[in-house]
Amino acid sequence: MLRYIRRHRVVALVGARQVGKSSLAEEVAARFEGPTTIHRLDKVPARQRLVVPERALAGSKGLVILDEVQRLPRLFLALPKILEATGDQARFLLLGGTPKNLLTPSLEEIKDDIAIHELPGLSLHEVGSENFERLWLRGGKPCSFTAKTPLDSFEWRTQHTLDIIEADPQRSGPPIAAGPMRSFLLSLAQYHGRVLDIVELARSFGVRSSTVQRYLDVLRESSVIRMLEPKRSGRTAGELVLPKVFFSDTGVLHNLTGLSTLAELEASTKAALSWKGYAMESVIQRIRAGASECSHWSLKGGQGLDLLVTRGGMRWGFEFQYIENPRLTASMKLAVQELKLDRLDVVHKSVGPTMLDGGIPVHTLDSLPRSLRLPDGFERRPEFLEMEQELAEAEI
């Protein structure tokens, strides 16, 4: 994070609620060489002091941390004037906004001064591969994962879900009442891992399609859900053009579906789709893939590819198999051919062969942090290199 701050005058740390943004900011402040000021905008006095942010922050020096920035929308419009006034004397760390806030036309003139860093929840390489089942059940929110008992974790997530319902809908646009958002989340949990027809969902929910789209936008902005857009080869009949929806944190999903223990989860009919979503997020975190790099490929007959990551002209496919033994399927062969994949990997739920016919690697979730290696020519992001270093140090 300090690397971003040294290179950019504004760094936006975005991500879901309770993933540790404030804790990370405090750690950054402790390591920053120079004066540090923290404005906690969830407090009314702090917002009142910054009611005209371009005036209040014009004389800032050192590191200025603004927490819960979504509570002060005026700040985003004022950023160009603030940067003009402070020059190179100050660095601003923004917590709690969304990429949408920082990609508006009004900020086009200072886009080179802004870096956006998304903080995900706890990952497999952070908690240790031996804890992969605990991470699947409880999700990656630190308070949920570290709770003493499954019941404590479930109760914490119940309150966290309430916070999502009551607070996140206020982040942008007109407020959404808690009752409809709760009903919508419960309905949406039934679509996790599935192709989402917004018109169908709106009909079943009894609202307009535009209302459903609004709810989805709010949840996506708040990193509660991931919408995986469709990829088309243009050569195969029956390609679906609808997105897939996943809850970014399986702990939230399990809370909405009432699954509080691993035994309940594994016995549930929702286990396979839950596990696939968890495995997909684990891969995305491991290789540091951006949302725009990820898509799915699906056909009306049920064939397709679970995850396609496209970066720099390379196409890397992933198949997630919650079955007894990993295998090379006709669907995988078709995906390689039609999408012209440069590489295809399988993530499987249990120990088995490490390679399938055709040189297709097989990973399990407990082996994923160390077994998944980026192919030659696939750009290695700084976050990935940092993770590699952490894994190497853990082995010493």
Protein backbone atom coordinates (compact mmCIF):
# COMPACT_ATOMS: atom_id res chain seq x y z
CA MET A 1 0.00 0.00 0.00
CA LEU A 2 2.87 2.39 0.76
CA ARG A 3 4.10 1.71 -2.78
CA TYR A 4 0.83 3.07 -4.18
CA ILE A 5 0.97 6.11 -1.89
CA ARG A 6 4.50 6.98 -2.98
CA ARG A 7 3.48 6.89 -6.65
CA HIS A 8 0.02 8.49 -6.52
CA ARG A 9 -1.38 11.51 -4.73
CA VAL A 10 -4.76 9.80 -4.24
CA VAL A 11 -5.15 6.12 -3.36
CA ALA A 12 -8.64 4.66 -3.01
CA LEU A 13 -8.84 1.51 -0.92
CA VAL A 14 -12.13 -0.14 -1.88
CA GLY A 15 -13.75 -3.44 -0.99
CA ALA A 16 -16.63 -5.00 0.90
CA ARG A 17 -17.57 -4.00 4.43
CA GLN A 18 -15.51 -5.50 7.27
CA VAL A 19 -12.60 -6.81 5.17
CA GLY A 20 -10.11 -4.73 7.16
CA LYS A 21 -9.74 -1.46 5.22
CA SER A 22 -9.54 0.67 8.38
CA SER A 23 -7.08 -1.69 10.04
CA LEU A 24 -4.84 -1.61 6.98
CA ALA A 25 -5.04 2.18 6.87
CA GLU A 26 -3.94 2.40 10.50
CA GLU A 27 -0.99 0.15 9.74
CA VAL A 28 -0.05 2.34 6.76
CA ALA A 29 -0.31 5.45 8.95
CA ALA A 30 2.05 3.91 11.51
CA ARG A 31 4.65 3.23 8.80
CA PHE A 32 4.28 6.48 6.90
CA GLU A 33 7.26 8.80 7.26
CA GLY A 34 5.66 12.16 7.92
CA PRO A 35 2.59 13.74 9.52
CA THR A 36 -0.67 11.78 9.38
CA THR A 37 -4.24 13.00 9.77
CA ILE A 38 -7.31 10.76 9.97
CA HIS A 39 -10.85 12.02 9.29
CA ARG A 40 -13.52 9.47 10.29
CA LEU A 41 -16.47 10.58 8.23
CA ASP A 42 -18.92 8.26 9.96
CA LYS A 43 -18.82 10.88 12.74
CA VAL A 44 -21.00 13.97 12.31
CA PRO A 45 -18.36 16.47 13.61
CA ALA A 46 -15.83 15.22 11.04
CA ARG A 47 -18.33 15.66 8.19
CA GLN A 48 -19.21 19.13 9.44
CA ARG A 49 -15.53 20.14 9.44
CA LEU A 50 -15.25 19.02 5.82
CA VAL A 51 -18.54 20.35 4.51
CA VAL A 52 -16.48 22.40 2.02
CA PRO A 53 -13.65 19.90 1.49
CA GLU A 54 -11.64 21.97 -1.01
CA ARG A 55 -11.33 24.66 1.64
CA ALA A 56 -10.83 22.41 4.68
CA LEU A 57 -8.15 20.24 3.05
CA ALA A 58 -6.34 22.92 1.03
CA GLY A 59 -3.50 23.20 3.55
CA SER A 60 -3.02 19.47 4.11
CA LYS A 61 0.45 17.98 4.43
CA GLY A 62 1.69 14.41 4.77
CA LEU A 63 -0.80 11.53 4.69
CA VAL A 64 -4.50 12.36 4.95
CA ILE A 65 -6.80 9.39 5.57
CA LEU A 66 -10.50 9.87 4.87
CA ASP A 67 -12.55 6.94 6.19
CA GLU A 68 -16.14 6.26 5.02
CA VAL A 69 -15.79 8.70 2.10
CA GLN A 70 -19.11 7.61 0.64
CA ARG A 71 -20.70 9.72 3.39
CA LEU A 72 -19.22 12.87 1.82
CA PRO A 73 -20.02 12.72 -1.93
CA ARG A 74 -18.92 16.35 -2.34
CA LEU A 75 -15.34 15.22 -1.74
CA PHE A 76 -15.06 13.46 -5.11
CA LEU A 77 -16.09 16.60 -6.99
CA ALA A 78 -13.62 18.66 -4.95
CA LEU A 79 -10.58 16.43 -5.51
CA PRO A 80 -9.13 18.37 -8.49
CA LYS A 81 -9.15 21.63 -6.51
CA ILE A 82 -7.71 19.90 -3.41
CA LEU A 83 -4.82 18.43 -5.40
CA GLU A 84 -4.16 21.76 -7.08
CA ALA A 85 -3.96 23.45 -3.65
CA THR A 86 -1.79 20.84 -1.93
CA GLY A 87 0.58 20.05 -4.80
CA ASP A 88 3.04 17.36 -3.80
CA GLN A 89 2.84 18.16 -0.08
CA ALA A 90 0.03 15.70 0.66
CA ARG A 91 -1.14 12.19 -0.12
CA PHE A 92 -4.79 11.18 0.31
CA LEU A 93 -5.94 7.67 1.26
CA LEU A 94 -9.68 7.22 0.68
CA LEU A 95 -11.56 4.37 2.36
CA GLY A 96 -15.08 3.20 1.66
CA GLY A 97 -15.86 4.56 -1.78
CA THR A 98 -16.33 2.56 -4.95
CA PRO A 99 -14.50 2.57 -8.28
CA LYS A 100 -17.61 4.21 -9.76
CA ASN A 101 -17.02 7.29 -7.57
CA LEU A 102 -13.48 7.64 -8.92
CA LEU A 103 -14.16 7.02 -12.60
CA THR A 104 -16.53 9.91 -13.18
CA PRO A 105 -15.93 12.41 -16.02
CA SER A 106 -15.31 15.19 -13.46
CA LEU A 107 -12.11 13.41 -12.34
CA GLU A 108 -10.78 12.75 -15.84
CA GLU A 109 -8.20 15.54 -15.51
CA ILE A 110 -6.55 13.92 -12.46
CA LYS A 111 -6.97 10.24 -13.37
CA ASP A 112 -3.19 9.76 -13.52
CA ASP A 113 -2.97 10.91 -9.88
CA ILE A 114 -5.46 8.28 -8.67
CA ALA A 115 -4.82 4.60 -7.92
CA ILE A 116 -7.63 2.23 -7.00
CA HIS A 117 -6.76 -0.82 -4.91
CA GLU A 118 -9.42 -3.40 -4.06
CA LEU A 119 -8.93 -5.18 -0.74
CA PRO A 120 -10.46 -8.67 -0.84
CA GLY A 121 -11.35 -10.77 2.17
CA LEU A 122 -8.97 -13.28 3.72
CA SER A 123 -7.47 -15.63 1.15
CA LEU A 124 -6.17 -19.19 1.25
CA HIS A 125 -2.55 -18.13 1.28
CA GLU A 126 -3.22 -15.87 4.30
CA VAL A 127 -5.14 -18.33 6.48
CA GLY A 128 -3.15 -21.44 5.55
CA SER A 129 -4.26 -24.22 3.22
CA GLU A 130 -5.22 -26.42 6.17
CA ASN A 131 -8.07 -23.98 6.91
CA PHE A 132 -9.69 -24.08 3.47
CA GLU A 133 -12.93 -25.67 4.75
CA ARG A 134 -13.26 -23.13 7.57
CA LEU A 135 -12.76 -20.31 5.04
CA TRP A 136 -15.40 -21.84 2.75
CA LEU A 137 -17.98 -22.05 5.54
CA ARG A 138 -17.31 -18.75 7.30
CA GLY A 139 -16.11 -16.56 4.44
CA GLY A 140 -13.22 -14.16 4.34
CA LYS A 141 -14.34 -11.45 6.76
CA PRO A 142 -11.72 -11.53 9.56
CA CYS A 143 -14.24 -11.33 12.42
CA SER A 144 -16.27 -14.20 10.96
CA PHE A 145 -13.26 -16.40 10.22
CA THR A 146 -11.61 -15.92 13.63
CA ALA A 147 -14.77 -16.33 15.75
CA LYS A 148 -14.38 -18.92 18.51
CA THR A 149 -17.25 -21.17 17.43
CA PRO A 150 -19.35 -21.70 14.29
CA LEU A 151 -22.32 -20.23 16.17
CA ASP A 152 -20.35 -17.10 17.07
CA SER A 153 -19.34 -16.75 13.43
CA PHE A 154 -22.92 -17.22 12.23
CA GLU A 155 -24.23 -14.62 14.70
CA TRP A 156 -21.55 -12.12 13.63
CA ARG A 157 -22.52 -12.66 9.99
CA THR A 158 -26.18 -12.13 10.87
CA GLN A 159 -25.32 -8.66 12.11
CA HIS A 160 -23.02 -8.11 9.14
CA THR A 161 -25.83 -9.02 6.74
CA LEU A 162 -28.05 -6.52 8.55
CA ASP A 163 -25.37 -3.87 8.00
CA ILE A 164 -25.34 -4.70 4.29
CA ILE A 165 -29.12 -4.38 4.14
CA GLU A 166 -29.30 -1.11 6.07
CA ALA A 167 -26.06 0.66 5.14
CA ASP A 168 -24.84 -0.41 1.72
CA PRO A 169 -28.03 0.61 -0.13
CA GLN A 170 -27.30 4.20 0.94
CA ARG A 171 -23.91 4.32 -0.79
CA SER A 172 -25.06 5.85 -4.06
CA GLY A 173 -28.31 7.01 -5.60
CA PRO A 174 -31.70 7.06 -3.91
CA PRO A 175 -31.97 5.08 -0.64
CA ILE A 176 -33.37 1.55 -0.71
CA ALA A 177 -35.57 0.48 2.18
CA ALA A 178 -34.24 -2.34 4.36
CA GLY A 179 -37.29 -4.60 3.91
CA PRO A 180 -37.14 -4.86 0.10
CA MET A 181 -33.35 -5.23 0.13
CA ARG A 182 -33.53 -8.10 2.62
CA SER A 183 -36.16 -9.89 0.51
CA PHE A 184 -34.08 -9.30 -2.59
CA LEU A 185 -30.91 -10.72 -1.00
CA LEU A 186 -32.77 -13.83 0.11
CA SER A 187 -34.10 -14.31 -3.43
CA LEU A 188 -30.71 -13.63 -4.99
CA ALA A 189 -29.06 -16.27 -2.80
CA GLN A 190 -31.02 -18.89 -4.75
CA TYR A 191 -29.31 -17.74 -7.96
CA HIS A 192 -25.73 -17.98 -6.67
CA GLY A 193 -23.57 -19.57 -9.38
CA ARG A 194 -26.36 -19.52 -11.93
CA VAL A 195 -27.12 -17.57 -15.07
CA LEU A 196 -29.25 -14.58 -14.07
CA ASP A 197 -32.19 -13.45 -16.17
CA ILE A 198 -33.03 -10.02 -14.75
CA VAL A 199 -36.48 -9.99 -16.37
CA GLU A 200 -37.31 -13.36 -14.80
CA LEU A 201 -36.03 -12.28 -11.39
CA ALA A 202 -38.01 -9.04 -11.57
CA ARG A 203 -41.16 -10.98 -12.42
CA SER A 204 -40.68 -13.38 -9.51
CA PHE A 205 -39.86 -10.51 -7.16
CA GLY A 206 -42.84 -8.47 -8.33
CA VAL A 207 -40.92 -5.35 -9.40
CA ARG A 208 -39.64 -3.71 -12.59
CA SER A 209 -36.45 -4.86 -14.27
CA SER A 210 -34.96 -1.40 -13.69
CA THR A 211 -35.50 -1.87 -9.94
CA VAL A 212 -33.70 -5.21 -9.95
CA GLN A 213 -30.85 -3.66 -11.95
CA ARG A 214 -30.61 -0.87 -9.37
CA TYR A 215 -30.37 -3.41 -6.51
CA LEU A 216 -27.73 -5.40 -8.39
CA ASP A 217 -25.68 -2.28 -9.10
CA VAL A 218 -25.69 -1.30 -5.42
CA LEU A 219 -24.63 -4.79 -4.31
CA ARG A 220 -21.92 -4.98 -6.96
CA GLU A 221 -20.58 -1.52 -6.07
CA SER A 222 -20.39 -2.64 -2.45
CA SER A 223 -18.54 -5.87 -3.44
CA VAL A 224 -21.34 -8.02 -1.99
CA ILE A 225 -21.79 -9.83 -5.31
CA ARG A 226 -19.73 -10.54 -8.40
CA MET A 227 -21.42 -10.39 -11.77
CA LEU A 228 -19.57 -12.55 -14.26
CA GLU A 229 -20.31 -11.24 -17.75
CA PRO A 230 -20.79 -13.67 -20.68
CA LYS A 231 -18.13 -14.30 -23.31
CA ARG A 232 -19.11 -15.15 -26.89
CA SER A 233 -16.96 -17.00 -29.38
CA GLY A 234 -19.32 -16.12 -32.23
CA ARG A 235 -18.83 -19.58 -33.71
CA THR A 236 -21.11 -21.74 -31.57
CA ALA A 237 -24.90 -21.83 -31.66
CA GLY A 238 -26.82 -21.41 -28.44
CA GLU A 239 -24.36 -19.15 -26.61
CA LEU A 240 -25.96 -17.43 -23.62
CA VAL A 241 -25.61 -13.67 -23.29
CA LEU A 242 -26.71 -13.43 -19.65
CA PRO A 243 -24.41 -12.85 -16.67
CA LYS A 244 -23.79 -15.23 -13.77
CA VAL A 245 -24.12 -13.96 -10.23
CA PHE A 246 -21.99 -15.02 -7.26
CA PHE A 247 -21.85 -13.83 -3.68
CA SER A 248 -18.28 -12.62 -3.25
CA ASP A 249 -18.16 -13.98 0.30
CA THR A 250 -19.56 -17.47 0.89
CA GLY A 251 -19.99 -16.68 4.58
CA VAL A 252 -22.68 -14.14 3.65
CA LEU A 253 -24.27 -16.65 1.27
CA HIS A 254 -24.40 -19.35 3.97
CA ASN A 255 -25.92 -16.92 6.44
CA LEU A 256 -28.69 -16.05 3.99
CA THR A 257 -29.37 -19.75 3.36
CA GLY A 258 -29.24 -20.70 7.06
CA LEU A 259 -26.15 -22.96 6.91
CA SER A 260 -24.16 -22.58 10.13
CA THR A 261 -21.95 -25.71 10.24
CA LEU A 262 -19.75 -27.56 7.77
CA ALA A 263 -21.90 -30.70 8.14
CA GLU A 264 -25.04 -28.73 7.20
CA LEU A 265 -23.25 -27.16 4.26
CA GLU A 266 -21.88 -30.40 2.82
CA ALA A 267 -25.31 -32.07 3.15
CA SER A 268 -27.05 -29.17 1.42
CA THR A 269 -28.17 -29.20 -2.20
CA LYS A 270 -26.44 -25.82 -2.46
CA ALA A 271 -23.00 -27.22 -1.60
CA ALA A 272 -21.74 -27.67 -5.17
CA LEU A 273 -22.58 -24.15 -6.37
CA SER A 274 -21.35 -22.63 -3.11
CA TRP A 275 -18.04 -24.49 -3.43
CA LYS A 276 -17.64 -23.47 -7.07
CA GLY A 277 -18.12 -19.80 -6.15
CA TYR A 278 -15.60 -20.15 -3.32
CA ALA A 279 -13.08 -21.88 -5.61
CA MET A 280 -13.56 -19.22 -8.27
CA GLU A 281 -12.93 -16.36 -5.83
CA SER A 282 -9.86 -18.21 -4.54
CA VAL A 283 -8.44 -18.42 -8.08
CA ILE A 284 -9.24 -14.77 -8.83
CA GLN A 285 -7.51 -13.68 -5.62
CA ARG A 286 -4.53 -15.94 -6.29
CA ILE A 287 -3.77 -14.62 -9.77
CA ARG A 288 -5.01 -11.09 -8.96
CA ALA A 289 -7.49 -10.94 -11.84
CA GLY A 290 -9.53 -7.77 -12.26
CA ALA A 291 -13.30 -7.83 -12.67
CA SER A 292 -13.06 -6.75 -16.31
CA GLU A 293 -10.70 -9.67 -17.05
CA CYS A 294 -13.17 -12.32 -15.84
CA SER A 295 -16.09 -13.81 -17.75
CA HIS A 296 -17.98 -17.08 -18.27
CA TRP A 297 -18.92 -19.00 -21.39
CA SER A 298 -22.23 -20.88 -21.33
CA LEU A 299 -24.41 -22.69 -23.85
CA LYS A 300 -28.13 -23.37 -23.67
CA GLY A 301 -27.46 -27.09 -23.41
CA GLY A 302 -25.58 -26.65 -20.13
CA GLN A 303 -22.05 -26.86 -21.55
CA GLY A 304 -19.57 -24.08 -21.06
CA LEU A 305 -16.55 -22.82 -19.13
CA ASP A 306 -16.83 -21.71 -15.50
CA LEU A 307 -14.24 -18.93 -15.65
CA LEU A 308 -12.31 -17.27 -18.46
CA VAL A 309 -9.54 -14.85 -17.52
CA THR A 310 -8.31 -12.66 -20.38
CA ARG A 311 -5.19 -10.56 -19.93
CA GLY A 312 -2.89 -9.07 -22.54
CA GLY A 313 -4.29 -11.21 -25.33
CA MET A 314 -3.95 -14.48 -23.35
CA ARG A 315 -7.00 -16.62 -22.59
CA TRP A 316 -6.83 -18.76 -19.45
CA GLY A 317 -9.75 -21.04 -18.66
CA PHE A 318 -10.77 -22.63 -15.34
CA GLU A 319 -13.19 -25.46 -14.62
CA PHE A 320 -14.37 -26.12 -11.05
CA GLN A 321 -15.40 -29.72 -10.43
CA TYR A 322 -17.35 -30.72 -7.32
CA ILE A 323 -17.45 -34.38 -8.33
CA GLU A 324 -15.85 -37.61 -7.13
CA ASN A 325 -12.94 -37.71 -9.58
CA PRO A 326 -11.56 -34.96 -11.84
CA ARG A 327 -12.00 -35.62 -15.52
CA LEU A 328 -11.60 -34.08 -18.94
CA THR A 329 -15.12 -33.45 -20.22
CA ALA A 330 -16.53 -32.84 -23.69
CA SER A 331 -17.48 -29.36 -22.51
CA MET A 332 -13.85 -28.58 -21.64
CA LYS A 333 -12.63 -29.82 -25.02
CA LEU A 334 -15.23 -27.65 -26.74
CA ALA A 335 -14.18 -24.59 -24.70
CA VAL A 336 -10.52 -25.06 -25.64
CA GLN A 337 -11.47 -25.28 -29.31
CA GLU A 338 -14.11 -22.53 -29.53
CA LEU A 339 -12.49 -19.99 -27.20
CA LYS A 340 -8.96 -20.73 -28.42
CA LEU A 341 -7.68 -21.08 -24.87
CA ASP A 342 -3.97 -20.69 -24.23
CA ARG A 343 -4.32 -22.76 -21.07
CA LEU A 344 -6.96 -24.65 -19.11
CA ASP A 345 -6.77 -25.60 -15.40
CA VAL A 346 -9.11 -27.68 -13.24
CA VAL A 347 -9.79 -27.04 -9.55
CA HIS A 348 -11.19 -30.16 -7.88
CA LYS A 349 -12.72 -30.68 -4.46
CA SER A 350 -10.55 -33.61 -3.33
CA VAL A 351 -7.18 -35.23 -3.85
CA GLY A 352 -6.71 -37.00 -7.19
CA PRO A 353 -4.45 -36.89 -10.22
CA THR A 354 -2.43 -33.69 -10.66
CA MET A 355 -2.67 -33.80 -14.45
CA LEU A 356 -5.34 -34.78 -16.97
CA ASP A 357 -4.93 -35.84 -20.59
CA GLY A 358 -3.68 -33.02 -22.75
CA GLY A 359 -1.47 -31.62 -19.99
CA ILE A 360 -4.33 -29.99 -18.05
CA PRO A 361 -3.21 -29.27 -14.45
CA VAL A 362 -5.51 -30.25 -11.56
CA HIS A 363 -5.46 -28.35 -8.26
CA THR A 364 -7.25 -28.82 -4.95
CA LEU A 365 -8.12 -25.83 -2.81
CA ASP A 366 -5.64 -26.77 -0.11
CA SER A 367 -2.86 -26.98 -2.72
CA LEU A 368 -3.96 -23.96 -4.77
CA PRO A 369 -1.75 -21.23 -3.20
CA ARG A 370 1.42 -23.13 -4.19
CA SER A 371 0.36 -25.27 -7.13
CA LEU A 372 -1.21 -22.54 -9.28
CA ARG A 373 1.50 -20.86 -11.33
CA LEU A 374 1.06 -18.17 -13.95
CA PRO A 375 1.92 -19.24 -17.50
CA ASP A 376 4.68 -17.57 -19.48
CA GLY A 377 3.47 -14.35 -21.06
CA PHE A 378 0.74 -13.76 -18.47
CA GLU A 379 1.44 -10.41 -16.80
CA ARG A 380 2.43 -10.66 -13.15
CA ARG A 381 0.82 -7.87 -11.16
CA PRO A 382 2.69 -6.34 -8.15
CA GLU A 383 0.14 -7.87 -5.74
CA PHE A 384 0.83 -11.31 -7.19
CA LEU A 385 4.58 -10.87 -6.78
CA GLU A 386 4.07 -9.82 -3.15
CA MET A 387 2.01 -12.95 -2.55
CA GLU A 388 4.72 -15.10 -4.12
CA GLN A 389 7.26 -13.57 -1.76
CA GLU A 390 5.01 -14.19 1.26
CA LEU A 391 4.55 -17.84 0.27
CA ALA A 392 8.31 -18.28 -0.23
CA GLU A 393 9.03 -16.77 3.19
CA ALA A 394 6.41 -19.04 4.81
CA GLU A 395 8.29 -22.08 3.50
CA ILE A 396 11.61 -21.00 5.02
